[in-house]
């Protein structure tokens, strides 16, 4: 089976987006200007009580970042998505989500009535509104994966945001390993310095792709991943 593009669209800075991806589909994100951050959530579309589990994802793969070859585990030990392409090299799973309180403190408040599409939005509250479309709420919000961003932790446990991690044209691609609900918010990282509200846009490309084989790079990158793929394939059979 060859890859084929199903559709493409732009996600402007500050915008929130959601889509159900079938197994055998992928979502490619392209940083159009450089410096993008996309806060992301992932759920089993058939049973949303199963969702992305950040602690299990990190400890099962012995990592504190995500890049090509790694996967996103659910709280049931199954694999929601695999990271099949990445020209960035580091995506942040621990830095949190921009909230309305962060926005007010760092950028001030610009209401939509006066500023239209330039109004200040918060990723956390925007994602909660997007969840409501699927009969989910704030109680279903999990730690987000911040695509395109890099956060390092020193020996004292202090987190530091690393500017310039993603350049214009950088891409990351996520392959759905089951029927997955994906939510995205193109907004600032909460640790990003600066006081000017100017979140960056990204391009979204949804494709039909082959399902992973026995020697798939994400399957063999860690011993636990092989077991995770087996559980997922049995669930999807």
C-alpha atoms as a PDB file:
ATOM      1  CA  UNK A   1       0.000   0.000   0.000  1.00  0.00           C
ATOM      2  CA  UNK A   2       1.355   3.430  -0.933  1.00  0.00           C
ATOM      3  CA  UNK A   3       0.843   6.608   1.037  1.00  0.00           C
ATOM      4  CA  UNK A   4      -1.833   8.979  -0.217  1.00  0.00           C
ATOM      5  CA  UNK A   5      -2.810  12.432   1.005  1.00  0.00           C
ATOM      6  CA  UNK A   6      -6.447  12.665   2.107  1.00  0.00           C
ATOM      7  CA  UNK A   7      -6.514  16.393   2.857  1.00  0.00           C
ATOM      8  CA  UNK A   8      -4.450  19.348   4.034  1.00  0.00           C
ATOM      9  CA  UNK A   9      -5.298  22.469   6.008  1.00  0.00           C
ATOM     10  CA  UNK A  10      -3.577  25.227   7.977  1.00  0.00           C
ATOM     11  CA  UNK A  11      -3.946  25.632  11.715  1.00  0.00           C
ATOM     12  CA  UNK A  12      -3.432  29.317  12.480  1.00  0.00           C
ATOM     13  CA  UNK A  13      -1.749  30.547  15.635  1.00  0.00           C
ATOM     14  CA  UNK A  14      -4.133  30.296  18.590  1.00  0.00           C
ATOM     15  CA  UNK A  15      -6.528  27.939  16.795  1.00  0.00           C
ATOM     16  CA  UNK A  16      -7.740  24.615  18.213  1.00  0.00           C
ATOM     17  CA  UNK A  17      -8.484  21.552  16.058  1.00  0.00           C
ATOM     18  CA  UNK A  18      -9.722  17.993  16.483  1.00  0.00           C
ATOM     19  CA  UNK A  19     -10.139  14.952  14.282  1.00  0.00           C
ATOM     20  CA  UNK A  20     -10.742  11.226  14.576  1.00  0.00           C
ATOM     21  CA  UNK A  21      -8.011   9.284  12.771  1.00  0.00           C
ATOM     22  CA  UNK A  22      -8.623   5.701  11.704  1.00  0.00           C
ATOM     23  CA  UNK A  23      -5.961   3.023  12.070  1.00  0.00           C
ATOM     24  CA  UNK A  24      -3.836   3.294   8.930  1.00  0.00           C
ATOM     25  CA  UNK A  25      -3.969   7.089   8.819  1.00  0.00           C
ATOM     26  CA  UNK A  26      -1.298   9.581   9.834  1.00  0.00           C
ATOM     27  CA  UNK A  27      -1.176  13.242  10.751  1.00  0.00           C
ATOM     28  CA  UNK A  28       1.809  15.276   9.547  1.00  0.00           C
ATOM     29  CA  UNK A  29       2.435  18.690  11.135  1.00  0.00           C
ATOM     30  CA  UNK A  30       4.705  21.264   9.483  1.00  0.00           C
ATOM     31  CA  UNK A  31       6.032  24.307  11.346  1.00  0.00           C
ATOM     32  CA  UNK A  32       5.413  27.043   8.772  1.00  0.00           C
ATOM     33  CA  UNK A  33       7.393  29.911  10.323  1.00  0.00           C
ATOM     34  CA  UNK A  34       9.615  28.332  12.980  1.00  0.00           C
ATOM     35  CA  UNK A  35       9.081  28.478  16.732  1.00  0.00           C
ATOM     36  CA  UNK A  36       5.726  26.692  16.727  1.00  0.00           C
ATOM     37  CA  UNK A  37       4.241  24.890  19.702  1.00  0.00           C
ATOM     38  CA  UNK A  38       1.257  22.559  19.395  1.00  0.00           C
ATOM     39  CA  UNK A  39      -0.306  21.242  22.603  1.00  0.00           C
ATOM     40  CA  UNK A  40      -1.750  17.820  21.809  1.00  0.00           C
ATOM     41  CA  UNK A  41      -4.192  15.352  23.391  1.00  0.00           C
ATOM     42  CA  UNK A  42      -4.976  11.768  22.354  1.00  0.00           C
ATOM     43  CA  UNK A  43      -7.906   9.453  23.192  1.00  0.00           C
ATOM     44  CA  UNK A  44      -9.258   6.092  22.092  1.00  0.00           C
ATOM     45  CA  UNK A  45     -12.083   7.365  19.870  1.00  0.00           C
ATOM     46  CA  UNK A  46     -14.249   4.310  20.619  1.00  0.00           C
ATOM     47  CA  UNK A  47     -13.777   4.487  24.394  1.00  0.00           C
ATOM     48  CA  UNK A  48     -12.383   7.900  25.466  1.00  0.00           C
ATOM     49  CA  UNK A  49     -11.801   6.767  29.061  1.00  0.00           C
ATOM     50  CA  UNK A  50      -8.669   5.252  27.504  1.00  0.00           C
ATOM     51  CA  UNK A  51      -6.303   8.109  26.773  1.00  0.00           C
ATOM     52  CA  UNK A  52      -2.667   9.184  26.404  1.00  0.00           C
ATOM     53  CA  UNK A  53      -0.665   8.421  29.540  1.00  0.00           C
ATOM     54  CA  UNK A  54       2.444  10.554  29.817  1.00  0.00           C
ATOM     55  CA  UNK A  55       4.135   8.687  32.745  1.00  0.00           C
ATOM     56  CA  UNK A  56       3.710   5.267  31.100  1.00  0.00           C
ATOM     57  CA  UNK A  57       4.904   6.619  27.744  1.00  0.00           C
ATOM     58  CA  UNK A  58       8.131   7.900  29.288  1.00  0.00           C
ATOM     59  CA  UNK A  59       8.960   5.076  31.691  1.00  0.00           C
ATOM     60  CA  UNK A  60       8.147   2.267  29.219  1.00  0.00           C
ATOM     61  CA  UNK A  61      10.616   3.756  26.717  1.00  0.00           C
ATOM     62  CA  UNK A  62      13.161   5.153  29.239  1.00  0.00           C
ATOM     63  CA  UNK A  63      12.959   8.660  27.818  1.00  0.00           C
ATOM     64  CA  UNK A  64      12.056  12.219  28.844  1.00  0.00           C
ATOM     65  CA  UNK A  65      11.324  13.460  25.329  1.00  0.00           C
ATOM     66  CA  UNK A  66       9.680  12.168  22.176  1.00  0.00           C
ATOM     67  CA  UNK A  67      11.058  11.892  18.674  1.00  0.00           C
ATOM     68  CA  UNK A  68      11.039   9.526  15.696  1.00  0.00           C
ATOM     69  CA  UNK A  69      10.827   5.878  16.678  1.00  0.00           C
ATOM     70  CA  UNK A  70       8.865   6.363  19.896  1.00  0.00           C
ATOM     71  CA  UNK A  71       5.171   5.844  20.624  1.00  0.00           C
ATOM     72  CA  UNK A  72       2.353   7.293  22.719  1.00  0.00           C
ATOM     73  CA  UNK A  73       0.986   4.799  25.242  1.00  0.00           C
ATOM     74  CA  UNK A  74      -2.521   4.798  26.638  1.00  0.00           C
ATOM     75  CA  UNK A  75      -3.365   4.050  30.258  1.00  0.00           C
ATOM     76  CA  UNK A  76      -4.307   0.529  29.091  1.00  0.00           C
ATOM     77  CA  UNK A  77      -0.814  -0.247  27.815  1.00  0.00           C
ATOM     78  CA  UNK A  78      -1.861   0.062  24.187  1.00  0.00           C
ATOM     79  CA  UNK A  79      -0.347   2.367  21.575  1.00  0.00           C
ATOM     80  CA  UNK A  80      -2.430   5.288  20.370  1.00  0.00           C
ATOM     81  CA  UNK A  81       0.069   6.812  17.925  1.00  0.00           C
ATOM     82  CA  UNK A  82       3.634   6.284  16.733  1.00  0.00           C
ATOM     83  CA  UNK A  83       6.058   9.045  15.788  1.00  0.00           C
ATOM     84  CA  UNK A  84       7.162   7.895  12.352  1.00  0.00           C
ATOM     85  CA  UNK A  85       8.878  11.045  11.044  1.00  0.00           C
ATOM     86  CA  UNK A  86      10.573  13.929  12.831  1.00  0.00           C
ATOM     87  CA  UNK A  87      13.044  16.573  11.677  1.00  0.00           C
ATOM     88  CA  UNK A  88      12.951  18.429  15.007  1.00  0.00           C
ATOM     89  CA  UNK A  89      14.470  15.810  17.319  1.00  0.00           C
ATOM     90  CA  UNK A  90      12.804  16.769  20.594  1.00  0.00           C
ATOM     91  CA  UNK A  91       9.156  17.180  21.563  1.00  0.00           C
ATOM     92  CA  UNK A  92       8.237  18.100  25.134  1.00  0.00           C
ATOM     93  CA  UNK A  93       5.949  15.818  27.186  1.00  0.00           C
ATOM     94  CA  UNK A  94       6.473  17.427  30.625  1.00  0.00           C
ATOM     95  CA  UNK A  95       6.186  21.220  30.320  1.00  0.00           C
ATOM     96  CA  UNK A  96       2.428  21.575  30.815  1.00  0.00           C
ATOM     97  CA  UNK A  97      -0.227  23.604  29.029  1.00  0.00           C
ATOM     98  CA  UNK A  98      -0.758  27.351  28.623  1.00  0.00           C
ATOM     99  CA  UNK A  99      -3.693  28.376  30.842  1.00  0.00           C
ATOM    100  CA  UNK A 100      -5.843  31.496  30.990  1.00  0.00           C
ATOM    101  CA  UNK A 101      -3.943  32.594  34.101  1.00  0.00           C
ATOM    102  CA  UNK A 102      -0.631  32.266  32.193  1.00  0.00           C
ATOM    103  CA  UNK A 103      -2.032  34.294  29.299  1.00  0.00           C
ATOM    104  CA  UNK A 104      -3.334  37.100  31.521  1.00  0.00           C
ATOM    105  CA  UNK A 105      -0.065  37.327  33.444  1.00  0.00           C
ATOM    106  CA  UNK A 106       2.301  37.189  30.443  1.00  0.00           C
ATOM    107  CA  UNK A 107       0.390  38.708  27.551  1.00  0.00           C
ATOM    108  CA  UNK A 108      -2.562  40.612  28.966  1.00  0.00           C
ATOM    109  CA  UNK A 109      -6.124  40.040  27.866  1.00  0.00           C
ATOM    110  CA  UNK A 110      -7.421  40.987  24.410  1.00  0.00           C
ATOM    111  CA  UNK A 111     -11.118  40.088  24.008  1.00  0.00           C
ATOM    112  CA  UNK A 112     -12.458  38.754  20.741  1.00  0.00           C
ATOM    113  CA  UNK A 113     -15.056  41.547  20.455  1.00  0.00           C
ATOM    114  CA  UNK A 114     -12.291  44.133  19.959  1.00  0.00           C
ATOM    115  CA  UNK A 115      -9.430  42.104  18.499  1.00  0.00           C
ATOM    116  CA  UNK A 116     -11.155  39.339  16.479  1.00  0.00           C
ATOM    117  CA  UNK A 117      -8.635  36.660  15.421  1.00  0.00           C
ATOM    118  CA  UNK A 118      -5.841  38.491  17.262  1.00  0.00           C
ATOM    119  CA  UNK A 119      -7.501  37.925  20.635  1.00  0.00           C
ATOM    120  CA  UNK A 120      -5.527  36.159  23.348  1.00  0.00           C
ATOM    121  CA  UNK A 121      -6.476  32.516  23.839  1.00  0.00           C
ATOM    122  CA  UNK A 122      -5.289  29.843  26.256  1.00  0.00           C
ATOM    123  CA  UNK A 123      -4.497  26.318  25.091  1.00  0.00           C
ATOM    124  CA  UNK A 124      -5.923  24.661  28.215  1.00  0.00           C
ATOM    125  CA  UNK A 125      -9.312  26.354  28.072  1.00  0.00           C
ATOM    126  CA  UNK A 126      -9.486  26.002  24.284  1.00  0.00           C
ATOM    127  CA  UNK A 127      -8.841  22.264  24.535  1.00  0.00           C
ATOM    128  CA  UNK A 128     -11.564  21.922  27.169  1.00  0.00           C
ATOM    129  CA  UNK A 129     -14.027  23.600  24.794  1.00  0.00           C
ATOM    130  CA  UNK A 130     -12.928  21.259  22.009  1.00  0.00           C
ATOM    131  CA  UNK A 131     -13.393  18.237  24.292  1.00  0.00           C
ATOM    132  CA  UNK A 132     -17.008  19.276  24.847  1.00  0.00           C
ATOM    133  CA  UNK A 133     -17.734  18.438  21.196  1.00  0.00           C
ATOM    134  CA  UNK A 134     -17.180  14.792  22.148  1.00  0.00           C
ATOM    135  CA  UNK A 135     -19.123  14.892  25.449  1.00  0.00           C
ATOM    136  CA  UNK A 136     -15.850  15.211  27.388  1.00  0.00           C
ATOM    137  CA  UNK A 137     -14.921  17.885  29.931  1.00  0.00           C
ATOM    138  CA  UNK A 138     -12.120  19.342  32.051  1.00  0.00           C
ATOM    139  CA  UNK A 139     -12.026  16.134  34.099  1.00  0.00           C
ATOM    140  CA  UNK A 140     -10.857  14.355  30.915  1.00  0.00           C
ATOM    141  CA  UNK A 141      -7.918  16.709  30.331  1.00  0.00           C
ATOM    142  CA  UNK A 142      -4.553  14.944  30.549  1.00  0.00           C
ATOM    143  CA  UNK A 143      -0.976  16.292  30.355  1.00  0.00           C
ATOM    144  CA  UNK A 144      -0.421  17.512  26.815  1.00  0.00           C
ATOM    145  CA  UNK A 145       2.377  16.573  24.475  1.00  0.00           C
ATOM    146  CA  UNK A 146       3.927  19.847  23.273  1.00  0.00           C
ATOM    147  CA  UNK A 147       5.008  19.207  19.707  1.00  0.00           C
ATOM    148  CA  UNK A 148       7.959  21.241  18.337  1.00  0.00           C
ATOM    149  CA  UNK A 149       9.054  22.426  21.833  1.00  0.00           C
ATOM    150  CA  UNK A 150      12.058  21.439  23.950  1.00  0.00           C
ATOM    151  CA  UNK A 151      12.284  21.504  27.750  1.00  0.00           C
ATOM    152  CA  UNK A 152      15.340  20.250  29.611  1.00  0.00           C
ATOM    153  CA  UNK A 153      15.616  19.356  33.304  1.00  0.00           C
ATOM    154  CA  UNK A 154      18.828  19.932  35.290  1.00  0.00           C
ATOM    155  CA  UNK A 155      20.241  18.050  38.289  1.00  0.00           C
ATOM    156  CA  UNK A 156      18.069  20.097  40.670  1.00  0.00           C
ATOM    157  CA  UNK A 157      14.880  19.212  38.825  1.00  0.00           C
ATOM    158  CA  UNK A 158      14.499  22.695  37.337  1.00  0.00           C
ATOM    159  CA  UNK A 159      12.898  22.858  33.892  1.00  0.00           C
ATOM    160  CA  UNK A 160      14.229  25.172  31.192  1.00  0.00           C
ATOM    161  CA  UNK A 161      12.567  26.014  27.884  1.00  0.00           C
ATOM    162  CA  UNK A 162      15.050  25.916  24.970  1.00  0.00           C
ATOM    163  CA  UNK A 163      14.282  28.581  22.323  1.00  0.00           C
ATOM    164  CA  UNK A 164      14.777  27.903  18.618  1.00  0.00           C
ATOM    165  CA  UNK A 165      14.121  24.172  18.819  1.00  0.00           C
ATOM    166  CA  UNK A 166      11.998  24.081  15.663  1.00  0.00           C
ATOM    167  CA  UNK A 167      12.873  25.807  12.397  1.00  0.00           C
ATOM    168  CA  UNK A 168      10.588  26.830   9.539  1.00  0.00           C
ATOM    169  CA  UNK A 169       9.735  23.724   7.531  1.00  0.00           C
ATOM    170  CA  UNK A 170      10.303  21.277  10.391  1.00  0.00           C
ATOM    171  CA  UNK A 171       7.913  18.318  10.394  1.00  0.00           C
ATOM    172  CA  UNK A 172       6.651  15.624  12.733  1.00  0.00           C
ATOM    173  CA  UNK A 173       4.323  12.794  11.721  1.00  0.00           C
ATOM    174  CA  UNK A 174       2.067  10.715  13.967  1.00  0.00           C
ATOM    175  CA  UNK A 175       0.631   7.407  12.737  1.00  0.00           C
ATOM    176  CA  UNK A 176      -2.632   6.250  14.324  1.00  0.00           C
ATOM    177  CA  UNK A 177      -2.349   2.683  15.649  1.00  0.00           C
ATOM    178  CA  UNK A 178      -6.037   2.489  16.570  1.00  0.00           C
ATOM    179  CA  UNK A 179      -9.056   4.738  16.043  1.00  0.00           C
ATOM    180  CA  UNK A 180      -7.759   7.864  17.781  1.00  0.00           C
ATOM    181  CA  UNK A 181      -9.298  11.200  18.677  1.00  0.00           C
ATOM    182  CA  UNK A 182      -6.615  13.879  18.313  1.00  0.00           C
ATOM    183  CA  UNK A 183      -6.926  17.426  19.681  1.00  0.00           C
ATOM    184  CA  UNK A 184      -4.426  20.182  18.863  1.00  0.00           C
ATOM    185  CA  UNK A 185      -3.962  23.762  20.043  1.00  0.00           C
ATOM    186  CA  UNK A 186      -1.400  25.914  18.206  1.00  0.00           C
ATOM    187  CA  UNK A 187      -0.461  28.190  21.070  1.00  0.00           C
ATOM    188  CA  UNK A 188       2.523  29.278  23.148  1.00  0.00           C
ATOM    189  CA  UNK A 189       4.380  26.893  25.432  1.00  0.00           C
ATOM    190  CA  UNK A 190       3.783  27.950  29.076  1.00  0.00           C
ATOM    191  CA  UNK A 191       7.551  28.200  29.727  1.00  0.00           C
ATOM    192  CA  UNK A 192       8.298  30.169  26.562  1.00  0.00           C
ATOM    193  CA  UNK A 193       9.850  33.573  27.426  1.00  0.00           C
ATOM    194  CA  UNK A 194       8.532  36.845  26.071  1.00  0.00           C
ATOM    195  CA  UNK A 195       5.474  39.003  26.540  1.00  0.00           C
ATOM    196  CA  UNK A 196       4.166  39.292  22.964  1.00  0.00           C
ATOM    197  CA  UNK A 197       1.239  37.023  22.148  1.00  0.00           C
ATOM    198  CA  UNK A 198       2.028  35.644  18.690  1.00  0.00           C
ATOM    199  CA  UNK A 199       1.496  31.869  18.441  1.00  0.00           C
ATOM    200  CA  UNK A 200       2.780  30.300  15.229  1.00  0.00           C
ATOM    201  CA  UNK A 201       0.754  28.479  12.547  1.00  0.00           C
ATOM    202  CA  UNK A 202       1.289  24.909  11.380  1.00  0.00           C
ATOM    203  CA  UNK A 203       0.198  22.956   8.328  1.00  0.00           C
ATOM    204  CA  UNK A 204      -1.737  19.725   8.848  1.00  0.00           C
ATOM    205  CA  UNK A 205      -1.591  16.874   6.348  1.00  0.00           C
ATOM    206  CA  UNK A 206      -3.740  13.775   6.870  1.00  0.00           C
ATOM    207  CA  UNK A 207      -2.598  10.728   4.906  1.00  0.00           C
ATOM    208  CA  UNK A 208      -3.436   7.088   4.328  1.00  0.00           C
ATOM    209  CA  UNK A 209      -0.368   5.008   5.261  1.00  0.00           C
ATOM    210  CA  UNK A 210       0.548   1.324   5.569  1.00  0.00           C
ATOM    211  CA  UNK A 211       0.053  -0.321   8.959  1.00  0.00           C
ATOM    212  CA  UNK A 212       3.310  -1.265  10.741  1.00  0.00           C
ATOM    213  CA  UNK A 213       5.080  -4.486   9.892  1.00  0.00           C
ATOM    214  CA  UNK A 214       7.192  -6.783  12.045  1.00  0.00           C
ATOM    215  CA  UNK A 215      10.335  -4.685  11.571  1.00  0.00           C
ATOM    216  CA  UNK A 216       8.680  -1.288  11.964  1.00  0.00           C
ATOM    217  CA  UNK A 217      11.121   1.184  13.546  1.00  0.00           C
ATOM    218  CA  UNK A 218       8.692   2.187  16.281  1.00  0.00           C
ATOM    219  CA  UNK A 219       7.911  -1.449  17.130  1.00  0.00           C
ATOM    220  CA  UNK A 220      11.558  -2.479  17.550  1.00  0.00           C
ATOM    221  CA  UNK A 221      12.979   0.701  19.135  1.00  0.00           C
ATOM    222  CA  UNK A 222      12.191  -0.561  22.667  1.00  0.00           C
ATOM    223  CA  UNK A 223      11.352  -4.076  23.961  1.00  0.00           C
ATOM    224  CA  UNK A 224       8.134  -2.824  25.580  1.00  0.00           C
ATOM    225  CA  UNK A 225       6.935  -1.396  22.272  1.00  0.00           C
ATOM    226  CA  UNK A 226       6.714  -4.846  20.728  1.00  0.00           C
ATOM    227  CA  UNK A 227       4.346  -5.923  23.479  1.00  0.00           C
ATOM    228  CA  UNK A 228       2.398  -2.666  23.131  1.00  0.00           C
ATOM    229  CA  UNK A 229       1.900  -3.212  19.403  1.00  0.00           C
ATOM    230  CA  UNK A 230       0.728  -6.786  20.014  1.00  0.00           C
ATOM    231  CA  UNK A 231      -1.884  -5.621  22.547  1.00  0.00           C
ATOM    232  CA  UNK A 232      -3.039  -2.887  20.181  1.00  0.00           C
ATOM    233  CA  UNK A 233      -3.317  -5.171  17.163  1.00  0.00           C
ATOM    234  CA  UNK A 234      -5.340  -7.707  19.139  1.00  0.00           C
ATOM    235  CA  UNK A 235      -7.656  -4.933  20.278  1.00  0.00           C
ATOM    236  CA  UNK A 236      -8.106  -3.669  16.713  1.00  0.00           C
ATOM    237  CA  UNK A 237      -8.572  -7.113  15.134  1.00  0.00           C
END
